Amino acid sequence: MYEVIESFTDLQDRNYPYSVGDTYPRNGVNVTEIRLAELASKRNRRGIPLIKKVDEPKKVEEPKEKPAPKRTPKKKDD
């Protein structure tokens, strides 16, 4: 996953505008490793890195509830 660090218009995605903080690429768009490397380096039209790689957020599993212990009825003394 990549994060936009400089606003830019993606000329290879129908001039889609990206703002700082956006996730790149947007949902539904596939890009090549070459394109990712280009935008993450100075080797693009702007001459500055436009995106940076970020770790994907880890999914935190919610603890499963333990079933309540079964209660046994007390024995009555006769």
C-alpha atoms as a PDB file:
ATOM      1  CA  MET A   1       0.000   0.000   0.000  1.00  0.00           C
ATOM      2  CA  TYR A   2       1.258   3.500  -0.808  1.00  0.00           C
ATOM      3  CA  GLU A   3       0.422   6.917   0.599  1.00  0.00           C
ATOM      4  CA  VAL A   4       0.493  10.133  -1.401  1.00  0.00           C
ATOM      5  CA  ILE A   5       3.113  12.541   0.003  1.00  0.00           C
ATOM      6  CA  GLU A   6       2.807  15.247  -2.698  1.00  0.00           C
ATOM      7  CA  SER A   7      -0.398  16.177  -4.519  1.00  0.00           C
ATOM      8  CA  PHE A   8      -0.373  15.172  -8.178  1.00  0.00           C
ATOM      9  CA  THR A   9      -2.574  14.301 -11.115  1.00  0.00           C
ATOM     10  CA  ASP A  10      -2.072  10.752 -12.362  1.00  0.00           C
ATOM     11  CA  LEU A  11      -1.721  11.066 -16.119  1.00  0.00           C
ATOM     12  CA  GLN A  12      -2.021   7.285 -16.511  1.00  0.00           C
ATOM     13  CA  ASP A  13      -5.355   7.191 -14.644  1.00  0.00           C
ATOM     14  CA  ARG A  14      -7.509   9.584 -16.680  1.00  0.00           C
ATOM     15  CA  ASN A  15      -5.974  12.618 -14.937  1.00  0.00           C
ATOM     16  CA  TYR A  16      -7.239  11.483 -11.535  1.00  0.00           C
ATOM     17  CA  PRO A  17      -6.168  13.991  -8.841  1.00  0.00           C
ATOM     18  CA  TYR A  18      -4.462  12.632  -5.721  1.00  0.00           C
ATOM     19  CA  SER A  19      -4.112  14.698  -2.550  1.00  0.00           C
ATOM     20  CA  VAL A  20      -1.598  14.326   0.275  1.00  0.00           C
ATOM     21  CA  GLY A  21      -2.674  11.461   2.537  1.00  0.00           C
ATOM     22  CA  ASP A  22      -4.633   9.577  -0.142  1.00  0.00           C
ATOM     23  CA  THR A  23      -4.005   5.881  -0.680  1.00  0.00           C
ATOM     24  CA  TYR A  24      -2.385   5.060  -4.016  1.00  0.00           C
ATOM     25  CA  PRO A  25      -3.682   3.537  -6.180  1.00  0.00           C
ATOM     26  CA  ARG A  26      -7.337   4.163  -5.590  1.00  0.00           C
ATOM     27  CA  ASN A  27      -9.740   1.221  -5.366  1.00  0.00           C
ATOM     28  CA  GLY A  28     -10.319  -0.560  -8.645  1.00  0.00           C
ATOM     29  CA  VAL A  29      -7.120   0.670 -10.318  1.00  0.00           C
ATOM     30  CA  ASN A  30      -4.217  -1.655 -10.995  1.00  0.00           C
ATOM     31  CA  VAL A  31      -0.735  -0.247 -11.535  1.00  0.00           C
ATOM     32  CA  THR A  32       2.554  -1.891 -12.419  1.00  0.00           C
ATOM     33  CA  GLU A  33       5.577  -2.188 -10.160  1.00  0.00           C
ATOM     34  CA  ILE A  34       7.377   0.062 -12.666  1.00  0.00           C
ATOM     35  CA  ARG A  35       4.750   2.794 -12.181  1.00  0.00           C
ATOM     36  CA  LEU A  36       4.968   2.485  -8.385  1.00  0.00           C
ATOM     37  CA  ALA A  37       8.765   2.773  -8.538  1.00  0.00           C
ATOM     38  CA  GLU A  38       8.480   5.800 -10.846  1.00  0.00           C
ATOM     39  CA  LEU A  39       6.109   7.675  -8.542  1.00  0.00           C
ATOM     40  CA  ALA A  40       8.067   6.733  -5.407  1.00  0.00           C
ATOM     41  CA  SER A  41      11.305   8.139  -6.894  1.00  0.00           C
ATOM     42  CA  LYS A  42      12.478  11.273  -8.712  1.00  0.00           C
ATOM     43  CA  ARG A  43      12.052   9.541 -12.070  1.00  0.00           C
ATOM     44  CA  ASN A  44       8.719  11.186 -12.915  1.00  0.00           C
ATOM     45  CA  ARG A  45       7.636  14.478 -14.539  1.00  0.00           C
ATOM     46  CA  ARG A  46       7.654  16.369 -11.238  1.00  0.00           C
ATOM     47  CA  GLY A  47      11.163  15.173 -10.352  1.00  0.00           C
ATOM     48  CA  ILE A  48      10.250  14.438  -6.718  1.00  0.00           C
ATOM     49  CA  PRO A  49       8.836  11.389  -4.922  1.00  0.00           C
ATOM     50  CA  LEU A  50       5.042  11.558  -4.944  1.00  0.00           C
ATOM     51  CA  ILE A  51       4.168   8.408  -2.999  1.00  0.00           C
ATOM     52  CA  LYS A  52       5.753   6.328  -0.251  1.00  0.00           C
ATOM     53  CA  LYS A  53       5.266   2.714   0.731  1.00  0.00           C
ATOM     54  CA  VAL A  54       3.487   2.181   4.027  1.00  0.00           C
ATOM     55  CA  ASP A  55       2.803  -0.964   5.993  1.00  0.00           C
ATOM     56  CA  GLU A  56      -0.662  -2.313   5.608  1.00  0.00           C
ATOM     57  CA  PRO A  57      -2.689  -1.967   8.779  1.00  0.00           C
ATOM     58  CA  LYS A  58      -2.875  -5.242  10.608  1.00  0.00           C
ATOM     59  CA  LYS A  59      -6.327  -6.577  11.228  1.00  0.00           C
ATOM     60  CA  VAL A  60      -6.950  -6.807  14.940  1.00  0.00           C
ATOM     61  CA  GLU A  61      -9.121  -9.713  15.857  1.00  0.00           C
ATOM     62  CA  GLU A  62     -11.572  -9.103  18.611  1.00  0.00           C
ATOM     63  CA  PRO A  63     -11.280 -11.659  21.384  1.00  0.00           C
ATOM     64  CA  LYS A  64     -13.930 -14.309  21.174  1.00  0.00           C
ATOM     65  CA  GLU A  65     -16.288 -14.452  24.092  1.00  0.00           C
ATOM     66  CA  LYS A  66     -15.993 -17.523  26.224  1.00  0.00           C
ATOM     67  CA  PRO A  67     -19.292 -19.205  26.875  1.00  0.00           C
ATOM     68  CA  ALA A  68     -20.559 -18.741  30.407  1.00  0.00           C
ATOM     69  CA  PRO A  69     -19.903 -21.757  32.615  1.00  0.00           C
ATOM     70  CA  LYS A  70     -22.893 -24.013  33.039  1.00  0.00           C
ATOM     71  CA  ARG A  71     -24.412 -23.936  36.465  1.00  0.00           C
ATOM     72  CA  THR A  72     -25.500 -27.109  38.092  1.00  0.00           C
ATOM     73  CA  PRO A  73     -28.436 -26.985  40.472  1.00  0.00           C
ATOM     74  CA  LYS A  74     -27.601 -27.344  44.145  1.00  0.00           C
ATOM     75  CA  LYS A  75     -28.643 -30.538  45.805  1.00  0.00           C
ATOM     76  CA  LYS A  76     -31.304 -30.172  48.441  1.00  0.00           C
ATOM     77  CA  ASP A  77     -30.639 -31.795  51.751  1.00  0.00           C
ATOM     78  CA  ASP A  78     -33.500 -34.043  52.889  1.00  0.00           C
END
